[in-house]
Protein backbone atom coordinates (compact mmCIF):
# COMPACT_ATOMS: atom_id res chain seq x y z
CA UNK A 1 -64.71 -46.29 108.09
CA UNK A 2 -60.98 -46.09 107.54
CA UNK A 3 -61.07 -48.02 104.26
CA UNK A 4 -63.77 -45.64 102.99
CA UNK A 5 -61.59 -42.58 103.47
CA UNK A 6 -58.57 -44.34 101.95
CA UNK A 7 -60.49 -45.07 98.76
CA UNK A 8 -61.72 -41.50 98.64
CA UNK A 9 -58.27 -39.95 98.89
CA UNK A 10 -56.79 -42.16 96.17
CA UNK A 11 -58.65 -40.59 93.24
CA UNK A 12 -57.74 -37.17 94.61
CA UNK A 13 -54.01 -37.89 94.55
CA UNK A 14 -54.34 -39.42 91.10
CA UNK A 15 -56.15 -36.29 89.97
CA UNK A 16 -53.42 -34.11 91.45
CA UNK A 17 -50.80 -36.15 89.64
CA UNK A 18 -52.68 -35.74 86.38
CA UNK A 19 -53.01 -32.01 87.02
CA UNK A 20 -49.27 -31.74 87.65
CA UNK A 21 -48.56 -33.57 84.39
CA UNK A 22 -50.86 -31.19 82.51
CA UNK A 23 -49.19 -28.18 84.08
CA UNK A 24 -45.75 -29.51 83.20
CA UNK A 25 -46.81 -30.19 79.63
CA UNK A 26 -48.22 -26.70 79.22
CA UNK A 27 -45.07 -25.18 80.71
CA UNK A 28 -42.89 -27.17 78.31
CA UNK A 29 -45.08 -26.26 75.34
CA UNK A 30 -45.10 -22.57 76.20
CA UNK A 31 -41.33 -22.64 76.69
CA UNK A 32 -40.82 -24.27 73.30
CA UNK A 33 -43.12 -21.72 71.69
CA UNK A 34 -41.17 -18.94 73.42
CA UNK A 35 -37.87 -20.35 72.19
CA UNK A 36 -39.18 -20.69 68.65
CA UNK A 37 -40.54 -17.14 68.75
CA UNK A 38 -37.21 -15.73 69.92
CA UNK A 39 -35.36 -17.78 67.30
CA UNK A 40 -37.62 -16.51 64.54
CA UNK A 41 -37.38 -12.94 65.82
CA UNK A 42 -33.58 -13.07 65.93
CA UNK A 43 -33.49 -14.63 62.46
CA UNK A 44 -35.68 -11.83 61.13
CA UNK A 45 -33.48 -9.19 62.76
CA UNK A 46 -30.31 -10.86 61.47
CA UNK A 47 -31.66 -11.16 57.94
CA UNK A 48 -32.64 -7.48 57.94
CA UNK A 49 -29.21 -6.50 59.18
CA UNK A 50 -27.37 -8.58 56.57
CA UNK A 51 -29.61 -7.34 53.77
CA UNK A 52 -28.97 -3.76 54.90
CA UNK A 53 -25.23 -4.41 54.83
CA UNK A 54 -25.34 -5.83 51.31
CA UNK A 55 -27.38 -2.96 49.87
């Protein structure tokens, strides 16, 4: 009886670990996308400001 429950809980913890990895990956990806978006936005703003200064 005890060995049956032990084998049942193992896949669950493995699944939770996989889920945590997926969540971490998605958080990292979204953070990178956010950083890229802010970089691009600041570059666009800076380029508009410098072009306005030159004209």
